[in-house]
Amino acid sequence: MTSASTVNIILNFIANIVVALGYMIYKGHYFKHSSDSNFVTRTVEEGNYWNLPSLLWSCNCIIVPFIKLSYHIERGLDIKSSTSLLDFADYLGLVITVAYTGACLVGGGGEAEQKDTKRKSPRRKEKIREE
């Protein structure tokens, strides 16, 4: 509850508590898509979640709240105190959080897209073997 924005708090609660936990209970694992991916899930999950959209998602869900909590605990600042830069990263991350949550709920990008992904993998493996 470190955000001054009620919308941010509500959307994070829905995305991280309701949807993520519901998804894990239903699927038996956390969000990770291979055959049923779409543009948003592929973008966030690329490089095993090591990319800018995923970092912004983490800013919104983890990093910014931890920064605010640490300043609250160690410096006595109000828990909702922030800077323009923190707020900017937080709200950009909120956009990614909402988009990724929606993309996970919607599911795959269609049969044609899945076939195209399967076609690319063998070529890449052949190229690696040649080198």
Protein backbone atom coordinates (compact mmCIF):
# COMPACT_ATOMS: atom_id res chain seq x y z
CA MET A 1 0.00 0.00 0.00
CA THR A 2 2.83 2.38 -0.79
CA SER A 3 1.16 4.07 -3.76
CA ALA A 4 -0.72 7.35 -3.40
CA SER A 5 -2.95 6.17 -6.26
CA THR A 6 -6.01 4.12 -5.33
CA VAL A 7 -6.21 2.92 -8.95
CA ASN A 8 -2.64 1.60 -8.74
CA ILE A 9 -3.41 -0.26 -5.50
CA ILE A 10 -6.65 -1.79 -6.84
CA LEU A 11 -5.13 -2.86 -10.19
CA ASN A 12 -2.11 -4.38 -8.43
CA PHE A 13 -4.36 -6.26 -6.03
CA ILE A 14 -6.37 -7.66 -8.95
CA ALA A 15 -3.28 -8.49 -11.03
CA ASN A 16 -1.04 -9.91 -8.33
CA ILE A 17 -3.44 -11.45 -5.85
CA VAL A 18 -6.62 -12.40 -7.69
CA VAL A 19 -5.30 -13.20 -11.18
CA ALA A 20 -1.80 -14.51 -10.38
CA LEU A 21 -2.95 -16.73 -7.52
CA GLY A 22 -6.02 -17.85 -9.46
CA TYR A 23 -3.84 -18.64 -12.46
CA MET A 24 -1.40 -20.67 -10.35
CA ILE A 25 -4.21 -22.59 -8.68
CA TYR A 26 -5.83 -23.34 -12.03
CA LYS A 27 -2.69 -24.04 -14.11
CA GLY A 28 -0.38 -25.35 -11.38
CA HIS A 29 2.46 -22.94 -12.28
CA TYR A 30 3.25 -19.25 -12.58
CA PHE A 31 2.82 -17.33 -15.84
CA LYS A 32 5.14 -18.79 -18.46
CA HIS A 33 3.91 -19.31 -21.97
CA SER A 34 5.49 -21.30 -24.74
CA SER A 35 2.95 -22.71 -27.14
CA ASP A 36 0.10 -20.38 -26.19
CA SER A 37 2.00 -17.09 -26.14
CA ASN A 38 0.97 -13.78 -27.64
CA PHE A 39 2.91 -10.58 -28.34
CA VAL A 40 2.67 -9.22 -24.79
CA THR A 41 3.53 -12.47 -22.99
CA ARG A 42 6.46 -13.13 -25.37
CA THR A 43 7.76 -9.59 -24.83
CA VAL A 44 7.61 -9.71 -21.02
CA GLU A 45 8.88 -13.30 -20.73
CA GLU A 46 11.71 -12.89 -23.26
CA GLY A 47 15.14 -13.68 -21.83
CA ASN A 48 13.52 -15.42 -18.86
CA TYR A 49 11.97 -12.11 -17.74
CA TRP A 50 15.27 -10.21 -18.15
CA ASN A 51 14.24 -7.22 -20.31
CA LEU A 52 12.92 -3.65 -19.99
CA PRO A 53 9.16 -4.41 -19.94
CA SER A 54 9.72 -7.05 -17.27
CA LEU A 55 11.90 -4.65 -15.27
CA LEU A 56 9.15 -2.01 -15.39
CA TRP A 57 6.64 -4.64 -14.30
CA SER A 58 8.93 -5.43 -11.36
CA CYS A 59 9.28 -1.71 -10.58
CA ASN A 60 5.53 -1.46 -10.15
CA CYS A 61 5.10 -4.65 -8.15
CA ILE A 62 8.34 -4.92 -6.14
CA ILE A 63 11.11 -2.36 -6.59
CA VAL A 64 9.24 0.93 -6.02
CA PRO A 65 7.32 -0.40 -2.99
CA PHE A 66 10.60 -1.69 -1.47
CA ILE A 67 12.31 1.68 -2.03
CA LYS A 68 9.41 3.50 -0.36
CA LEU A 69 9.33 1.01 2.52
CA SER A 70 13.06 1.35 3.10
CA TYR A 71 12.84 5.16 3.24
CA HIS A 72 9.86 4.86 5.56
CA ILE A 73 11.68 2.48 7.93
CA GLU A 74 15.12 4.08 7.89
CA ARG A 75 14.36 7.78 7.37
CA GLY A 76 10.84 8.08 8.78
CA LEU A 77 9.34 9.41 5.55
CA ASP A 78 5.65 8.91 4.90
CA ILE A 79 5.13 5.51 3.29
CA LYS A 80 3.46 7.13 0.27
CA SER A 81 6.18 9.75 -0.23
CA SER A 82 7.70 9.61 -3.67
CA THR A 83 9.65 11.42 -6.35
CA SER A 84 8.61 12.15 -9.92
CA LEU A 85 11.05 9.54 -11.21
CA LEU A 86 9.72 6.84 -8.88
CA ASP A 87 6.15 7.69 -9.82
CA PHE A 88 7.03 7.63 -13.53
CA ALA A 89 8.63 4.16 -13.26
CA ASP A 90 5.74 2.99 -11.08
CA TYR A 91 3.05 4.07 -13.55
CA LEU A 92 4.93 2.77 -16.59
CA GLY A 93 5.18 -0.50 -14.73
CA LEU A 94 1.46 -0.38 -13.98
CA VAL A 95 0.75 -0.23 -17.73
CA ILE A 96 2.93 -3.34 -18.23
CA THR A 97 1.31 -5.08 -15.23
CA VAL A 98 -2.20 -4.51 -16.60
CA ALA A 99 -1.22 -5.46 -20.17
CA TYR A 100 0.60 -8.62 -19.07
CA THR A 101 -2.21 -9.68 -16.75
CA GLY A 102 -4.74 -9.20 -19.53
CA ALA A 103 -2.53 -11.04 -22.02
CA CYS A 104 -2.18 -13.98 -19.63
CA LEU A 105 -5.93 -14.16 -19.21
CA VAL A 106 -6.60 -13.93 -22.95
CA GLY A 107 -4.07 -16.64 -23.77
CA GLY A 108 -2.49 -17.49 -27.10
CA GLY A 109 -2.01 -15.52 -30.21
CA GLY A 110 -3.73 -18.01 -32.48
CA GLU A 111 -2.84 -21.19 -34.31
CA ALA A 112 -0.97 -19.47 -37.16
CA GLU A 113 1.30 -17.65 -34.74
CA GLN A 114 2.02 -20.85 -32.84
CA LYS A 115 2.95 -22.71 -36.03
CA ASP A 116 5.26 -19.85 -37.02
CA THR A 117 7.05 -20.06 -33.65
CA LYS A 118 7.53 -23.81 -34.04
CA ARG A 119 8.98 -23.31 -37.51
CA LYS A 120 11.59 -20.83 -36.28
CA SER A 121 13.02 -23.03 -33.53
CA PRO A 122 14.55 -25.80 -35.73
CA ARG A 123 16.23 -23.26 -38.02
CA ARG A 124 17.80 -21.55 -35.05
CA LYS A 125 19.07 -24.89 -33.70
CA GLU A 126 20.56 -25.78 -37.09
CA LYS A 127 22.33 -22.42 -37.27
CA ILE A 128 23.84 -22.94 -33.82
CA ARG A 129 25.06 -26.44 -34.76
CA GLU A 130 26.74 -25.12 -37.92
CA GLU A 131 28.77 -22.57 -35.95
